[in-house]
Amino acid sequence: MKNVLRRLAKRLGWNAAYHVAATYTRDSHVGFSTISMTVTVRPWLHVDNYKELVEYVHGECGERASKPTITSITKLGA
C-alpha cells in the first residue's frame, strides 16, 4: 500500500524539501569536512530512496571525497 501511495504522489508531482548535514573526508591527509544543504526529494524521503540521497550528497562533496556520513536530516516546511 505504501508503494502505491508513493507512486501516486510522485505522479502527481509532490515533493518534500529536507535540510541535510553530513561529514566526509576530502583526502587522506585532511581532517573531516562538513557539508550542509537543502535537498528536494520526490515524493518524500523513505528507506527505498535513502541510498540515492547519500549518492547525491557524495556527488556534491567532490570527486576525491569519501562516502559521506549523514549526521542530520530535517524536513522543511509544514
N, C-alpha and C. Protein backbone atom coordinates (compact mmCIF):
# COMPACT_ATOMS: atom_id res chain seq x y z
N MET A 1 0.81 -1.19 0.00
CA MET A 1 0.00 0.00 0.00
C MET A 1 0.87 1.27 0.00
N LYS A 2 1.97 1.23 0.78
CA LYS A 2 2.84 2.40 0.84
C LYS A 2 3.48 2.69 -0.51
N ASN A 3 3.87 1.64 -1.22
CA ASN A 3 4.46 1.83 -2.55
C ASN A 3 3.47 2.46 -3.51
N VAL A 4 2.22 2.07 -3.42
CA VAL A 4 1.18 2.64 -4.28
C VAL A 4 1.01 4.13 -3.98
N LEU A 5 1.00 4.48 -2.70
CA LEU A 5 0.87 5.90 -2.33
C LEU A 5 2.07 6.71 -2.82
N ARG A 6 3.28 6.16 -2.71
CA ARG A 6 4.46 6.87 -3.18
C ARG A 6 4.43 7.06 -4.69
N ARG A 7 4.07 6.03 -5.43
CA ARG A 7 3.99 6.15 -6.89
C ARG A 7 2.93 7.17 -7.30
N LEU A 8 1.79 7.16 -6.63
CA LEU A 8 0.73 8.13 -6.93
C LEU A 8 1.19 9.55 -6.61
N ALA A 9 1.83 9.74 -5.47
CA ALA A 9 2.32 11.07 -5.09
C ALA A 9 3.40 11.56 -6.06
N LYS A 10 4.27 10.66 -6.52
CA LYS A 10 5.30 11.05 -7.48
C LYS A 10 4.68 11.45 -8.81
N ARG A 11 3.67 10.71 -9.22
CA ARG A 11 2.98 11.02 -10.47
C ARG A 11 2.27 12.37 -10.39
N LEU A 12 1.75 12.70 -9.21
CA LEU A 12 1.07 13.99 -9.02
C LEU A 12 2.05 15.15 -8.85
N GLY A 13 3.34 14.84 -8.73
CA GLY A 13 4.35 15.89 -8.65
C GLY A 13 4.65 16.37 -7.25
N TRP A 14 4.29 15.61 -6.24
CA TRP A 14 4.59 16.02 -4.87
C TRP A 14 6.08 15.92 -4.62
N ASN A 15 6.57 16.79 -3.77
CA ASN A 15 7.96 16.70 -3.35
C ASN A 15 8.09 17.25 -1.94
N ALA A 16 9.22 16.97 -1.32
CA ALA A 16 9.49 17.43 0.04
C ALA A 16 10.92 17.95 0.09
N ALA A 17 11.11 19.02 0.85
CA ALA A 17 12.45 19.60 1.00
C ALA A 17 13.01 19.20 2.36
N TYR A 18 14.30 18.88 2.37
CA TYR A 18 14.98 18.46 3.59
C TYR A 18 16.29 19.23 3.72
N HIS A 19 16.65 19.56 4.95
CA HIS A 19 17.98 20.08 5.24
C HIS A 19 18.83 18.87 5.62
N VAL A 20 19.96 18.70 4.93
CA VAL A 20 20.83 17.55 5.16
C VAL A 20 22.21 18.06 5.57
N ALA A 21 22.72 17.51 6.65
CA ALA A 21 24.09 17.79 7.09
C ALA A 21 24.86 16.48 7.08
N ALA A 22 26.10 16.55 6.61
CA ALA A 22 26.92 15.34 6.52
C ALA A 22 28.38 15.68 6.76
N THR A 23 29.15 14.69 7.18
CA THR A 23 30.60 14.83 7.32
C THR A 23 31.27 13.85 6.37
N TYR A 24 32.44 14.24 5.88
CA TYR A 24 33.18 13.38 4.96
C TYR A 24 34.66 13.74 5.03
N THR A 25 35.50 12.90 4.47
CA THR A 25 36.94 13.14 4.40
C THR A 25 37.28 13.48 2.95
N ARG A 26 37.90 14.64 2.71
CA ARG A 26 38.25 15.04 1.35
C ARG A 26 39.46 14.27 0.83
N ASP A 27 40.53 14.22 1.60
CA ASP A 27 41.74 13.48 1.26
C ASP A 27 42.16 12.72 2.50
N SER A 28 43.09 11.81 2.32
CA SER A 28 43.52 11.02 3.46
C SER A 28 44.28 11.85 4.49
N HIS A 29 44.92 12.94 4.07
CA HIS A 29 45.72 13.76 4.99
C HIS A 29 44.95 14.96 5.55
N VAL A 30 43.73 15.17 5.11
CA VAL A 30 42.90 16.28 5.58
C VAL A 30 41.86 15.71 6.55
N GLY A 31 41.53 16.46 7.57
CA GLY A 31 40.53 16.01 8.53
C GLY A 31 39.14 15.99 7.93
N PHE A 32 38.16 15.88 8.79
CA PHE A 32 36.78 15.83 8.35
C PHE A 32 36.29 17.20 7.88
N SER A 33 35.40 17.18 6.91
CA SER A 33 34.72 18.38 6.44
C SER A 33 33.23 18.18 6.66
N THR A 34 32.52 19.27 6.74
CA THR A 34 31.08 19.22 6.94
C THR A 34 30.40 19.91 5.76
N ILE A 35 29.31 19.31 5.30
CA ILE A 35 28.52 19.90 4.23
C ILE A 35 27.09 20.03 4.74
N SER A 36 26.46 21.14 4.38
CA SER A 36 25.09 21.40 4.77
C SER A 36 24.34 21.89 3.54
N MET A 37 23.22 21.27 3.23
CA MET A 37 22.50 21.64 2.01
C MET A 37 21.01 21.37 2.15
N THR A 38 20.25 21.98 1.25
CA THR A 38 18.82 21.71 1.14
C THR A 38 18.61 20.83 -0.08
N VAL A 39 17.89 19.74 0.10
CA VAL A 39 17.67 18.76 -0.96
C VAL A 39 16.17 18.57 -1.14
N THR A 40 15.73 18.54 -2.39
CA THR A 40 14.33 18.25 -2.69
C THR A 40 14.23 16.80 -3.14
N VAL A 41 13.32 16.06 -2.52
CA VAL A 41 13.14 14.63 -2.80
C VAL A 41 11.71 14.41 -3.28
N ARG A 42 11.57 13.61 -4.35
CA ARG A 42 10.23 13.29 -4.85
C ARG A 42 9.90 11.85 -4.54
N PRO A 43 8.79 11.48 -4.01
CA PRO A 43 7.80 12.36 -3.40
C PRO A 43 8.18 12.76 -1.98
N TRP A 44 8.87 11.88 -1.24
CA TRP A 44 9.38 12.19 0.09
C TRP A 44 10.48 11.18 0.40
N LEU A 45 11.22 11.42 1.46
CA LEU A 45 12.33 10.54 1.83
C LEU A 45 11.80 9.28 2.50
N HIS A 46 12.28 8.12 2.06
CA HIS A 46 11.90 6.85 2.65
C HIS A 46 13.06 5.88 2.48
N VAL A 47 12.94 4.70 3.01
CA VAL A 47 14.02 3.72 3.01
C VAL A 47 14.49 3.40 1.59
N ASP A 48 13.58 3.32 0.65
CA ASP A 48 13.93 2.92 -0.70
C ASP A 48 14.78 3.95 -1.44
N ASN A 49 14.69 5.24 -1.12
CA ASN A 49 15.48 6.24 -1.85
C ASN A 49 16.54 6.91 -0.96
N TYR A 50 16.80 6.39 0.22
CA TYR A 50 17.84 6.94 1.08
C TYR A 50 19.22 6.80 0.45
N LYS A 51 19.47 5.67 -0.21
CA LYS A 51 20.76 5.45 -0.87
C LYS A 51 20.98 6.49 -1.97
N GLU A 52 19.93 6.85 -2.69
CA GLU A 52 20.03 7.89 -3.73
C GLU A 52 20.40 9.23 -3.10
N LEU A 53 19.86 9.52 -1.93
CA LEU A 53 20.19 10.77 -1.23
C LEU A 53 21.67 10.78 -0.85
N VAL A 54 22.18 9.67 -0.33
CA VAL A 54 23.60 9.59 0.04
C VAL A 54 24.48 9.77 -1.19
N GLU A 55 24.11 9.17 -2.31
CA GLU A 55 24.88 9.31 -3.55
C GLU A 55 24.86 10.75 -4.06
N TYR A 56 23.73 11.42 -3.92
CA TYR A 56 23.64 12.83 -4.33
C TYR A 56 24.56 13.69 -3.48
N VAL A 57 24.53 13.50 -2.18
CA VAL A 57 25.39 14.26 -1.28
C VAL A 57 26.86 13.96 -1.59
N HIS A 58 27.18 12.71 -1.87
CA HIS A 58 28.55 12.33 -2.22
C HIS A 58 28.99 13.07 -3.49
N GLY A 59 28.12 13.20 -4.45
CA GLY A 59 28.44 13.92 -5.68
C GLY A 59 28.70 15.40 -5.43
N GLU A 60 28.03 15.97 -4.45
CA GLU A 60 28.22 17.38 -4.12
C GLU A 60 29.48 17.62 -3.30
N CYS A 61 30.02 16.59 -2.68
CA CYS A 61 31.21 16.73 -1.84
C CYS A 61 32.48 16.90 -2.67
N GLY A 62 32.52 16.38 -3.86
CA GLY A 62 33.72 16.45 -4.69
C GLY A 62 34.16 15.07 -5.11
N GLU A 63 35.02 15.03 -6.11
CA GLU A 63 35.39 13.75 -6.69
C GLU A 63 36.32 12.92 -5.82
N ARG A 64 37.13 13.55 -4.99
CA ARG A 64 38.09 12.80 -4.17
C ARG A 64 37.58 12.55 -2.75
N ALA A 65 36.36 12.90 -2.48
CA ALA A 65 35.81 12.76 -1.13
C ALA A 65 35.40 11.32 -0.85
N SER A 66 35.48 10.94 0.43
CA SER A 66 34.99 9.63 0.83
C SER A 66 33.46 9.68 0.90
N LYS A 67 32.85 8.53 1.06
CA LYS A 67 31.40 8.48 1.17
C LYS A 67 30.97 9.24 2.42
N PRO A 68 30.02 10.15 2.31
CA PRO A 68 29.64 10.96 3.47
C PRO A 68 28.84 10.18 4.50
N THR A 69 28.92 10.66 5.72
CA THR A 69 28.10 10.15 6.82
C THR A 69 27.04 11.20 7.10
N ILE A 70 25.79 10.85 6.89
CA ILE A 70 24.69 11.78 7.14
C ILE A 70 24.54 11.94 8.64
N THR A 71 24.64 13.18 9.12
CA THR A 71 24.53 13.41 10.57
C THR A 71 23.18 13.98 10.96
N SER A 72 22.49 14.61 10.01
CA SER A 72 21.20 15.21 10.34
C SER A 72 20.34 15.33 9.08
N ILE A 73 19.07 14.97 9.20
CA ILE A 73 18.08 15.19 8.15
C ILE A 73 16.87 15.81 8.82
N THR A 74 16.48 16.99 8.35
CA THR A 74 15.34 17.70 8.92
C THR A 74 14.38 18.08 7.80
N LYS A 75 13.13 17.72 7.91
CA LYS A 75 12.14 18.09 6.90
C LYS A 75 11.81 19.56 7.06
N LEU A 76 11.78 20.28 5.94
CA LEU A 76 11.45 21.71 5.95
C LEU A 76 10.00 21.91 5.56
N GLY A 77 9.40 22.97 6.06
CA GLY A 77 8.02 23.27 5.72
C GLY A 77 7.04 22.61 6.65
N ALA A 78 5.79 22.64 6.24
CA ALA A 78 4.72 22.10 7.08
C ALA A 78 4.56 20.62 6.96
